[in-house]
Amino acid sequence: MTLAVHSSTSFINIKETKGIKTPDDFLGMVSFAQTKPSCLLITKSSMQEAHLSHERVIGNPIEGRKNEKREKLHVLTTTHSNNSTAVPVFVMLPLDTVTMGGKLNKPRLMNASLIALRSAGVEGVMVDAWWGLVEKDGPHKYNWEGYAELVKMCKEHGLKLQVVMSFHQCGGNVGDSCSIPLPPWVLEDIGKNPDLVYTDRSGRRNPEYISLGCDMLPVLNGRTPIQVYADYMRSFRERFNDYLGDVIVEIQVGLGPCGELRYPSYPESNGTWRFPGIGEFQNYDKYMRASLAASAKAAGKDDWGQGGPHDSGKYNQFPEDTGFFQNDGTWNSEYGKFFLEWYSGKLLEHGDRILGAAESIYQGTGAKLSGKVAGIHWHYNTRSHAAELTAGYYNTRDTNGYLPIARMFGKHHVVFNFTCMEMRDGEQPQSANCSPEGLVRQ
């Protein structure tokens, strides 16, 4: 078994490299022998003090070429092979690589940039394939042309490509440099039925991603969300079958807000949430409420199915300010355990459904599958791990919330992408009880 680690800081001399804005502009992969865990593990860095898994826009490599003598890309020079210690570096392309019209954005500049990256020793690039762009014109009406042009450019210049199946909205989070909503026909359905999106206790709707509560219901023009995602991935496979496993070496499957397997518990749009707030539970759309009520009834506790915890606080509170998350709070009661097991279990089922579909679609293509989990490190040093709980990770002082996710990823042969690998505890504000190092060790 191999443990693969993504790093984006160890191989770039930022001070001596122009045209690169942040350490997150590069992703490196290191492979070394490992017997456990049972699935591949990849970590991605995030350089900002809050949960930042939005490693996004690169600088213009062309500008950097003007100063090639000063550029230093610190990558081992041995040739790539299965047993090599070489470090393949992948660069994240801008979020708006493909325009709202479905065309490749500034193709001549992109072509020159890819040439520059290859000259610098980069292995490949990573790009978001936005649902809101590709299926914008209507159900089953896919426009892959902008991405097809990019794939051809990558092949021409000998670059590999990692593609993200982005089923979420772009915009409203740290690192989002443009706005790409969900497809218009989906937004129309949401307008008619607002319960299609996640909802908090106060009734605030979040349009970033379709609620997992309706995963198996035909609420999107006669299709279930899982069917819609599967059809999208199948269309991608059919369009790019000749490049899969050769040019397109990895497909990261979007699983939630920001592409991550989580609830949108800390929405940054309009200042709703600020680091290091605990966030809020997102189980108040009618589909999630119905599921909770059914689970409570099955447990013989009908009164537990009326909604989420009443004492879990607001987005920007601290754990000790709430009855639910304080050290001896109700998170550790019989009711708290029931609710958290249900809440995290629904998220796990959601990931299992999408990754199961992805596995069946891409099996045998030669392309690796990956999924992303958020590195929520704030309030990690408290007993309840409140910020993780509201995001859907049942990870406390007494429970391991990531092992079930890792097992589910392993079941579908999916690489586990994780954030905050390079962060240090001493760099975080003491009041936030952060421990990115402890989270990574876990």
Protein backbone atom coordinates (compact mmCIF):
# COMPACT_ATOMS: atom_id res chain seq x y z
CA MET A 1 0.00 0.00 0.00
CA THR A 2 1.24 3.48 -0.80
CA LEU A 3 0.72 6.65 1.17
CA ALA A 4 0.79 9.68 -1.10
CA VAL A 5 1.31 13.10 0.39
CA HIS A 6 0.56 16.37 -1.40
CA SER A 7 2.70 19.27 -0.32
CA SER A 8 2.79 22.77 -1.71
CA THR A 9 5.47 24.46 0.29
CA SER A 10 8.64 22.37 0.39
CA PHE A 11 9.67 22.53 -3.23
CA ILE A 12 9.19 26.18 -4.19
CA ASN A 13 11.41 29.10 -3.21
CA ILE A 14 8.65 31.70 -3.05
CA LYS A 15 10.91 34.67 -2.51
CA GLU A 16 12.89 33.85 -5.64
CA THR A 17 9.97 32.87 -7.88
CA LYS A 18 8.01 35.55 -9.71
CA GLY A 19 4.62 34.98 -11.23
CA ILE A 20 3.54 32.78 -8.33
CA LYS A 21 1.34 34.44 -5.75
CA THR A 22 1.22 31.96 -2.86
CA PRO A 23 2.75 28.65 -1.80
CA ASP A 24 -0.63 27.10 -2.55
CA ASP A 25 -0.03 27.72 -6.24
CA PHE A 26 1.90 24.48 -6.39
CA LEU A 27 0.94 20.97 -5.36
CA GLY A 28 3.58 18.28 -5.00
CA MET A 29 3.09 14.60 -4.53
CA VAL A 30 5.46 12.34 -2.62
CA SER A 31 5.00 8.59 -2.43
CA PHE A 32 6.53 6.27 0.16
CA ALA A 33 5.85 2.83 1.52
CA GLN A 34 3.06 2.52 4.06
CA THR A 35 1.03 -0.43 5.29
CA LYS A 36 -1.88 1.50 6.78
CA PRO A 37 -4.44 3.01 6.36
CA SER A 38 -6.44 0.88 3.98
CA CYS A 39 -6.88 3.69 1.45
CA LEU A 40 -4.58 6.13 -0.25
CA LEU A 41 -4.10 9.37 1.62
CA ILE A 42 -3.30 12.70 0.01
CA THR A 43 -2.93 15.92 1.91
CA LYS A 44 -3.25 19.37 0.41
CA SER A 45 -1.94 22.48 2.08
CA SER A 46 -3.83 25.54 3.19
CA MET A 47 -1.90 28.61 4.18
CA GLN A 48 -4.56 30.75 5.83
CA GLU A 49 -5.50 30.69 9.49
CA ALA A 50 -9.07 29.50 9.01
CA HIS A 51 -10.05 26.34 7.16
CA LEU A 52 -8.72 27.12 3.70
CA SER A 53 -8.92 24.22 1.33
CA HIS A 54 -9.56 26.54 -1.57
CA GLU A 55 -6.07 26.34 -3.08
CA ARG A 56 -6.85 28.16 -6.28
CA VAL A 57 -5.61 30.82 -8.63
CA ILE A 58 -2.04 30.74 -9.91
CA GLY A 59 -0.06 33.74 -11.00
CA ASN A 60 0.95 34.32 -14.59
CA PRO A 61 3.88 32.02 -15.37
CA ILE A 62 4.74 34.18 -18.39
CA GLU A 63 5.84 37.02 -16.16
CA GLY A 64 8.05 34.57 -14.31
CA ARG A 65 9.73 33.48 -17.56
CA LYS A 66 11.13 36.97 -17.92
CA ASN A 67 13.16 36.27 -14.82
CA GLU A 68 14.04 32.63 -15.37
CA LYS A 69 17.48 33.05 -13.89
CA ARG A 70 15.88 33.90 -10.57
CA GLU A 71 13.33 31.11 -10.64
CA LYS A 72 14.13 28.08 -8.55
CA LEU A 73 11.74 25.17 -8.61
CA HIS A 74 13.12 22.85 -5.96
CA VAL A 75 12.11 19.47 -7.31
CA LEU A 76 14.28 16.36 -7.34
CA THR A 77 15.79 15.94 -10.79
CA THR A 78 15.59 12.16 -11.05
CA THR A 79 13.36 10.82 -13.79
CA HIS A 80 9.84 9.79 -12.90
CA SER A 81 9.19 6.11 -12.41
CA ASN A 82 7.22 3.89 -10.09
CA ASN A 83 10.20 3.51 -7.76
CA SER A 84 11.54 7.05 -8.14
CA THR A 85 11.85 9.59 -5.38
CA ALA A 86 10.96 12.34 -7.83
CA VAL A 87 8.26 14.80 -6.84
CA PRO A 88 5.65 15.51 -9.53
CA VAL A 89 4.33 19.05 -9.11
CA PHE A 90 0.79 20.02 -10.18
CA VAL A 91 -0.36 23.64 -10.46
CA MET A 92 -3.95 24.74 -9.83
CA LEU A 93 -5.34 26.70 -12.77
CA PRO A 94 -7.55 29.79 -12.27
CA LEU A 95 -11.18 29.17 -11.34
CA ASP A 96 -12.31 30.92 -14.52
CA THR A 97 -10.13 28.87 -16.86
CA VAL A 98 -13.33 28.25 -18.85
CA THR A 99 -15.67 31.22 -19.37
CA MET A 100 -19.40 31.38 -18.69
CA GLY A 101 -19.82 30.97 -22.44
CA GLY A 102 -18.04 27.62 -22.33
CA LYS A 103 -14.88 28.80 -24.08
CA LEU A 104 -11.30 28.49 -22.89
CA ASN A 105 -10.40 31.80 -21.26
CA LYS A 106 -7.56 33.63 -23.07
CA PRO A 107 -6.34 30.55 -24.98
CA ARG A 108 -3.14 32.14 -26.32
CA LEU A 109 -2.09 33.18 -22.83
CA MET A 110 -3.04 29.77 -21.47
CA ASN A 111 -0.97 28.05 -24.14
CA ALA A 112 2.05 30.20 -23.34
CA SER A 113 1.54 29.62 -19.61
CA LEU A 114 1.48 25.85 -20.07
CA ILE A 115 4.71 26.03 -22.05
CA ALA A 116 6.28 28.03 -19.23
CA LEU A 117 5.08 25.58 -16.59
CA ARG A 118 6.43 22.60 -18.49
CA SER A 119 9.76 24.38 -18.94
CA ALA A 120 9.86 24.89 -15.18
CA GLY A 121 9.57 21.14 -14.63
CA VAL A 122 5.92 21.02 -13.64
CA GLU A 123 4.28 17.61 -14.08
CA GLY A 124 0.77 18.88 -14.75
CA VAL A 125 -2.13 21.14 -13.88
CA MET A 126 -5.45 20.86 -12.06
CA VAL A 127 -8.74 22.41 -13.18
CA ASP A 128 -12.34 22.63 -11.97
CA ALA A 129 -14.95 21.29 -14.40
CA TRP A 130 -17.88 23.38 -13.16
CA TRP A 131 -21.36 21.85 -13.29
CA GLY A 132 -22.71 25.40 -13.56
CA LEU A 133 -20.80 25.89 -16.82
CA VAL A 134 -20.94 22.50 -18.50
CA GLU A 135 -24.66 21.74 -18.02
CA LYS A 136 -25.73 25.37 -18.04
CA ASP A 137 -28.02 25.21 -21.08
CA GLY A 138 -30.37 22.54 -19.74
CA PRO A 139 -30.59 18.96 -18.44
CA HIS A 140 -28.29 16.59 -20.38
CA LYS A 141 -26.99 19.50 -22.50
CA TYR A 142 -23.26 19.28 -21.84
CA ASN A 143 -20.69 21.67 -23.27
CA TRP A 144 -17.15 20.36 -22.76
CA GLU A 145 -15.53 22.35 -25.58
CA GLY A 146 -13.52 24.75 -23.42
CA TYR A 147 -12.15 21.84 -21.42
CA ALA A 148 -11.45 19.86 -24.60
CA GLU A 149 -9.22 22.68 -25.83
CA LEU A 150 -7.34 22.64 -22.52
CA VAL A 151 -6.89 18.86 -22.64
CA LYS A 152 -5.45 19.08 -26.15
CA MET A 153 -3.03 21.81 -25.04
CA CYS A 154 -1.88 19.70 -22.10
CA LYS A 155 -1.29 16.71 -24.36
CA GLU A 156 0.62 18.85 -26.85
CA HIS A 157 2.96 20.15 -24.15
CA GLY A 158 3.39 16.85 -22.31
CA LEU A 159 1.48 17.93 -19.21
CA LYS A 160 -0.79 15.74 -17.10
CA LEU A 161 -4.21 16.94 -15.98
CA GLN A 162 -6.20 16.50 -12.78
CA VAL A 163 -9.88 17.38 -13.23
CA VAL A 164 -12.31 18.26 -10.43
CA MET A 165 -15.96 17.34 -10.92
CA SER A 166 -17.21 20.54 -9.26
CA PHE A 167 -20.88 20.16 -8.38
CA HIS A 168 -20.83 23.18 -6.07
CA GLN A 169 -21.15 26.91 -6.56
CA CYS A 170 -18.02 29.00 -7.00
CA GLY A 171 -18.12 32.26 -5.05
CA GLY A 172 -18.53 33.32 -1.45
CA ASN A 173 -15.59 31.47 0.07
CA VAL A 174 -11.94 32.31 0.67
CA GLY A 175 -9.96 31.99 -2.53
CA ASP A 176 -13.00 32.29 -4.80
CA SER A 177 -11.99 34.85 -7.42
CA CYS A 178 -15.10 34.61 -9.59
CA SER A 179 -18.77 33.64 -9.40
CA ILE A 180 -20.12 30.48 -11.02
CA PRO A 181 -23.56 29.49 -9.67
CA LEU A 182 -25.27 26.15 -10.10
CA PRO A 183 -26.90 25.59 -13.53
CA PRO A 184 -29.81 27.99 -14.22
CA TRP A 185 -32.33 25.17 -14.57
CA VAL A 186 -31.26 23.88 -11.15
CA LEU A 187 -31.63 27.35 -9.66
CA GLU A 188 -35.15 27.46 -11.12
CA ASP A 189 -35.98 24.23 -9.31
CA ILE A 190 -34.52 25.66 -6.11
CA GLY A 191 -36.64 28.79 -6.55
CA LYS A 192 -39.74 26.62 -6.69
CA ASN A 193 -38.59 24.40 -3.84
CA PRO A 194 -36.09 26.15 -1.52
CA ASP A 195 -35.77 22.99 0.57
CA LEU A 196 -33.49 21.59 -2.13
CA VAL A 197 -30.56 23.38 -0.48
CA TYR A 198 -29.07 23.22 3.00
CA THR A 199 -30.84 25.28 5.64
CA ASP A 200 -29.79 26.36 9.13
CA ARG A 201 -31.94 26.72 12.24
CA SER A 202 -32.87 30.33 11.47
CA GLY A 203 -34.07 29.36 7.99
CA ARG A 204 -31.06 30.71 6.08
CA ARG A 205 -30.76 28.88 2.75
CA ASN A 206 -27.34 28.10 1.29
CA PRO A 207 -27.21 27.86 -2.53
CA GLU A 208 -23.70 26.40 -2.68
CA TYR A 209 -24.76 22.78 -3.06
CA ILE A 210 -27.85 20.58 -3.24
CA SER A 211 -28.90 19.18 0.15
CA LEU A 212 -27.97 15.53 0.61
CA GLY A 213 -31.42 15.07 2.13
CA CYS A 214 -32.86 14.71 -1.37
CA ASP A 215 -30.07 12.53 -2.81
CA MET A 216 -32.45 9.76 -3.84
CA LEU A 217 -35.51 11.83 -4.75
CA PRO A 218 -36.31 12.87 -8.38
CA VAL A 219 -36.30 16.58 -7.56
CA LEU A 220 -34.13 17.85 -10.45
CA ASN A 221 -36.23 17.74 -13.59
CA GLY A 222 -37.22 14.14 -12.90
CA ARG A 223 -33.77 12.96 -11.85
CA THR A 224 -32.27 12.47 -8.42
CA PRO A 225 -29.17 14.55 -7.59
CA ILE A 226 -27.09 11.37 -7.56
CA GLN A 227 -28.35 10.51 -11.05
CA VAL A 228 -27.53 14.04 -12.22
CA TYR A 229 -23.97 13.79 -10.87
CA ALA A 230 -23.54 10.32 -12.38
CA ASP A 231 -24.84 11.45 -15.78
CA TYR A 232 -22.40 14.37 -15.69
CA MET A 233 -19.44 12.12 -14.88
CA ARG A 234 -20.53 9.64 -17.55
CA SER A 235 -20.70 12.43 -20.12
CA PHE A 236 -17.17 13.48 -19.16
CA ARG A 237 -15.91 9.92 -19.57
CA GLU A 238 -17.52 9.60 -23.00
CA ARG A 239 -16.15 12.95 -24.18
CA PHE A 240 -12.60 12.37 -22.93
CA ASN A 241 -12.28 8.60 -23.04
CA ASP A 242 -9.22 8.77 -25.31
CA TYR A 243 -7.36 10.91 -22.76
CA LEU A 244 -8.28 9.15 -19.51
CA GLY A 245 -5.33 7.47 -17.84
CA ASP A 246 -2.92 9.14 -20.26
CA VAL A 247 -3.36 12.92 -20.15
CA ILE A 248 -6.15 12.99 -17.54
CA VAL A 249 -4.55 11.08 -14.69
CA GLU A 250 -6.85 11.96 -11.79
CA ILE A 251 -10.50 12.85 -11.28
CA GLN A 252 -11.40 14.51 -7.99
CA VAL A 253 -15.09 13.94 -7.31
CA GLY A 254 -16.96 16.87 -5.79
CA LEU A 255 -18.77 15.84 -2.61
CA GLY A 256 -20.14 19.06 -1.14
CA PRO A 257 -19.45 22.77 -0.59
CA CYS A 258 -16.02 23.69 -1.98
CA GLY A 259 -15.94 20.16 -3.36
CA GLU A 260 -15.45 18.76 0.15
CA LEU A 261 -17.35 16.02 1.94
CA ARG A 262 -18.98 18.25 4.56
CA TYR A 263 -21.98 20.42 5.36
CA PRO A 264 -21.76 24.20 4.66
CA SER A 265 -21.53 24.90 8.39
CA TYR A 266 -19.22 27.90 8.11
CA PRO A 267 -20.45 30.01 5.14
CA GLU A 268 -18.26 33.04 4.61
CA SER A 269 -20.55 34.90 2.23
CA ASN A 270 -22.05 38.11 3.60
CA GLY A 271 -20.01 37.70 6.77
CA THR A 272 -22.27 34.95 8.11
CA TRP A 273 -19.33 33.09 9.61
CA ARG A 274 -15.91 34.31 10.74
CA PHE A 275 -12.93 32.31 11.92
CA PRO A 276 -12.86 30.74 14.49
CA GLY A 277 -16.62 30.43 14.98
CA ILE A 278 -18.08 26.99 15.69
CA GLY A 279 -20.55 27.15 12.79
CA GLU A 280 -24.10 25.81 12.79
CA PHE A 281 -25.82 22.54 11.96
CA GLN A 282 -27.40 22.42 8.49
CA ASN A 283 -30.24 19.93 8.88
CA TYR A 284 -33.34 22.14 8.64
CA ASP A 285 -34.56 21.62 5.08
CA LYS A 286 -37.68 19.46 4.97
CA TYR A 287 -35.86 16.43 3.61
CA MET A 288 -33.27 16.40 6.39
CA ARG A 289 -35.96 17.02 9.00
CA ALA A 290 -37.99 14.09 7.67
CA SER A 291 -34.94 11.84 7.84
CA LEU A 292 -34.18 12.90 11.41
CA ALA A 293 -37.79 12.34 12.46
CA ALA A 294 -37.76 8.84 10.94
CA SER A 295 -34.51 7.96 12.71
CA ALA A 296 -35.81 9.26 16.03
CA LYS A 297 -39.00 7.24 15.64
CA ALA A 298 -37.00 4.12 14.86
CA ALA A 299 -35.01 4.71 18.04
CA GLY A 300 -38.21 5.07 20.05
CA LYS A 301 -37.46 8.73 20.78
CA ASP A 302 -39.98 10.72 18.75
CA ASP A 303 -39.17 13.96 20.58
CA TRP A 304 -35.57 13.78 19.33
CA GLY A 305 -36.75 14.20 15.76
CA GLN A 306 -38.13 17.73 16.07
CA GLY A 307 -34.94 19.41 14.79
CA GLY A 308 -31.34 19.89 15.78
CA PRO A 309 -29.99 20.74 19.23
CA HIS A 310 -31.64 23.85 20.65
CA ASP A 311 -28.53 24.90 22.59
CA SER A 312 -25.83 24.60 19.91
CA GLY A 313 -25.28 28.34 19.58
CA LYS A 314 -24.64 30.62 16.62
CA TYR A 315 -22.07 30.66 13.82
CA ASN A 316 -19.51 32.88 15.54
CA GLN A 317 -19.76 31.65 19.11
CA PHE A 318 -17.19 29.57 20.99
CA PRO A 319 -17.91 26.08 22.38
CA GLU A 320 -17.97 27.22 26.00
CA ASP A 321 -20.67 29.75 25.14
CA THR A 322 -23.15 26.98 24.33
CA GLY A 323 -24.91 24.30 26.30
CA PHE A 324 -24.34 21.70 23.61
CA PHE A 325 -20.61 22.10 22.90
CA GLN A 326 -19.17 23.05 26.28
CA ASN A 327 -16.89 20.46 27.87
CA ASP A 328 -19.67 18.76 29.81
CA GLY A 329 -22.33 19.67 27.28
CA THR A 330 -25.17 17.67 25.77
CA TRP A 331 -22.99 16.59 22.82
CA ASN A 332 -21.91 13.78 25.14
CA SER A 333 -25.44 12.87 26.28
CA GLU A 334 -27.57 10.05 24.89
CA TYR A 335 -29.44 12.56 22.76
CA GLY A 336 -26.26 14.26 21.58
CA LYS A 337 -24.72 10.98 20.49
CA PHE A 338 -27.89 10.00 18.64
CA PHE A 339 -28.03 13.29 16.76
CA LEU A 340 -24.34 13.38 15.87
CA GLU A 341 -24.37 9.78 14.67
CA TRP A 342 -27.35 10.55 12.44
CA TYR A 343 -25.89 13.84 11.14
CA SER A 344 -22.46 12.39 10.34
CA GLY A 345 -24.00 9.16 9.06
CA LYS A 346 -26.05 11.01 6.46
CA LEU A 347 -22.88 12.70 5.20
CA LEU A 348 -21.11 9.35 4.99
CA GLU A 349 -24.01 7.87 3.00
CA HIS A 350 -23.86 10.84 0.63
CA GLY A 351 -20.19 10.32 -0.07
CA ASP A 352 -20.70 6.59 -0.49
CA ARG A 353 -23.41 7.14 -3.11
CA ILE A 354 -21.43 9.59 -5.23
CA LEU A 355 -18.14 7.74 -5.01
CA GLY A 356 -19.87 4.46 -5.76
CA ALA A 357 -21.25 6.01 -8.93
CA ALA A 358 -17.85 7.47 -9.83
CA GLU A 359 -16.12 4.15 -9.30
CA SER A 360 -18.51 2.32 -11.61
CA ILE A 361 -18.15 5.01 -14.29
CA TYR A 362 -14.36 5.43 -14.28
CA GLN A 363 -13.32 1.88 -13.44
CA GLY A 364 -10.84 0.63 -16.00
CA THR A 365 -10.09 4.05 -17.50
CA GLY A 366 -6.68 4.33 -15.86
CA ALA A 367 -7.55 7.58 -14.10
CA LYS A 368 -7.29 7.71 -10.31
CA LEU A 369 -10.25 8.87 -8.26
CA SER A 370 -9.92 11.22 -5.30
CA GLY A 371 -12.16 13.03 -2.84
CA LYS A 372 -11.55 15.93 -0.48
CA VAL A 373 -12.12 16.24 3.26
CA ALA A 374 -11.86 19.58 5.06
CA GLY A 375 -9.08 20.21 7.57
CA ILE A 376 -11.08 21.87 10.35
CA HIS A 377 -8.41 22.51 12.96
CA TRP A 378 -10.01 25.21 15.12
CA HIS A 379 -11.40 24.14 18.51
CA TYR A 380 -9.62 20.82 17.98
CA ASN A 381 -8.11 21.12 21.47
CA THR A 382 -11.53 21.12 23.13
CA ARG A 383 -13.40 17.97 24.13
CA SER A 384 -16.29 18.42 21.73
CA HIS A 385 -14.42 19.60 18.58
CA ALA A 386 -17.45 21.79 17.85
CA ALA A 387 -16.42 23.11 14.42
CA GLU A 388 -15.87 19.57 13.17
CA LEU A 389 -19.22 18.41 14.51
CA THR A 390 -21.25 21.10 12.74
CA ALA A 391 -19.41 20.25 9.49
CA GLY A 392 -20.49 16.62 9.82
CA TYR A 393 -17.34 15.00 11.21
CA TYR A 394 -18.24 13.14 14.42
CA ASN A 395 -14.77 13.64 15.79
CA THR A 396 -14.48 14.34 19.52
CA ARG A 397 -12.02 13.61 22.31
CA ASP A 398 -13.62 10.16 22.50
CA THR A 399 -14.57 9.32 18.89
CA ASN A 400 -12.62 9.14 15.62
CA GLY A 401 -14.70 10.81 12.94
CA TYR A 402 -12.26 10.30 10.08
CA LEU A 403 -11.77 6.55 10.19
CA PRO A 404 -15.27 5.80 8.80
CA ILE A 405 -14.63 8.28 5.99
CA ALA A 406 -11.24 6.74 5.19
CA ARG A 407 -12.78 3.28 5.12
CA MET A 408 -15.54 4.46 2.80
CA PHE A 409 -12.98 6.08 0.48
CA GLY A 410 -10.91 2.90 0.55
CA LYS A 411 -13.95 0.79 -0.31
CA HIS A 412 -14.23 2.71 -3.59
CA HIS A 413 -10.45 2.92 -4.20
CA VAL A 414 -10.54 6.69 -3.79
CA VAL A 415 -7.55 8.80 -2.77
CA PHE A 416 -8.16 10.75 0.46
CA ASN A 417 -7.34 14.46 -0.07
CA PHE A 418 -6.84 16.45 3.12
CA THR A 419 -5.91 20.04 3.98
CA CYS A 420 -3.75 21.94 6.50
CA MET A 421 -0.78 19.55 6.28
CA GLU A 422 1.88 22.26 6.56
CA MET A 423 0.23 24.35 9.29
CA ARG A 424 1.77 24.58 12.76
CA ASP A 425 -0.03 24.89 16.08
CA GLY A 426 2.19 27.79 17.16
CA GLU A 427 1.09 29.86 14.18
CA GLN A 428 -2.56 29.83 15.25
CA PRO A 429 -4.30 32.12 17.77
CA GLN A 430 -4.37 30.51 21.21
CA SER A 431 -7.96 31.56 21.81
CA ALA A 432 -9.13 29.37 18.91
CA ASN A 433 -7.80 26.15 20.47
CA CYS A 434 -6.36 25.15 17.09
CA SER A 435 -4.25 22.08 16.47
CA PRO A 436 -3.63 21.40 12.80
CA GLU A 437 -0.70 19.21 13.84
CA GLY A 438 -2.91 17.13 16.11
CA LEU A 439 -5.51 16.81 13.38
CA VAL A 440 -2.93 15.61 10.85
CA ARG A 441 -1.44 13.13 13.35
CA GLN A 442 -4.89 11.70 13.96
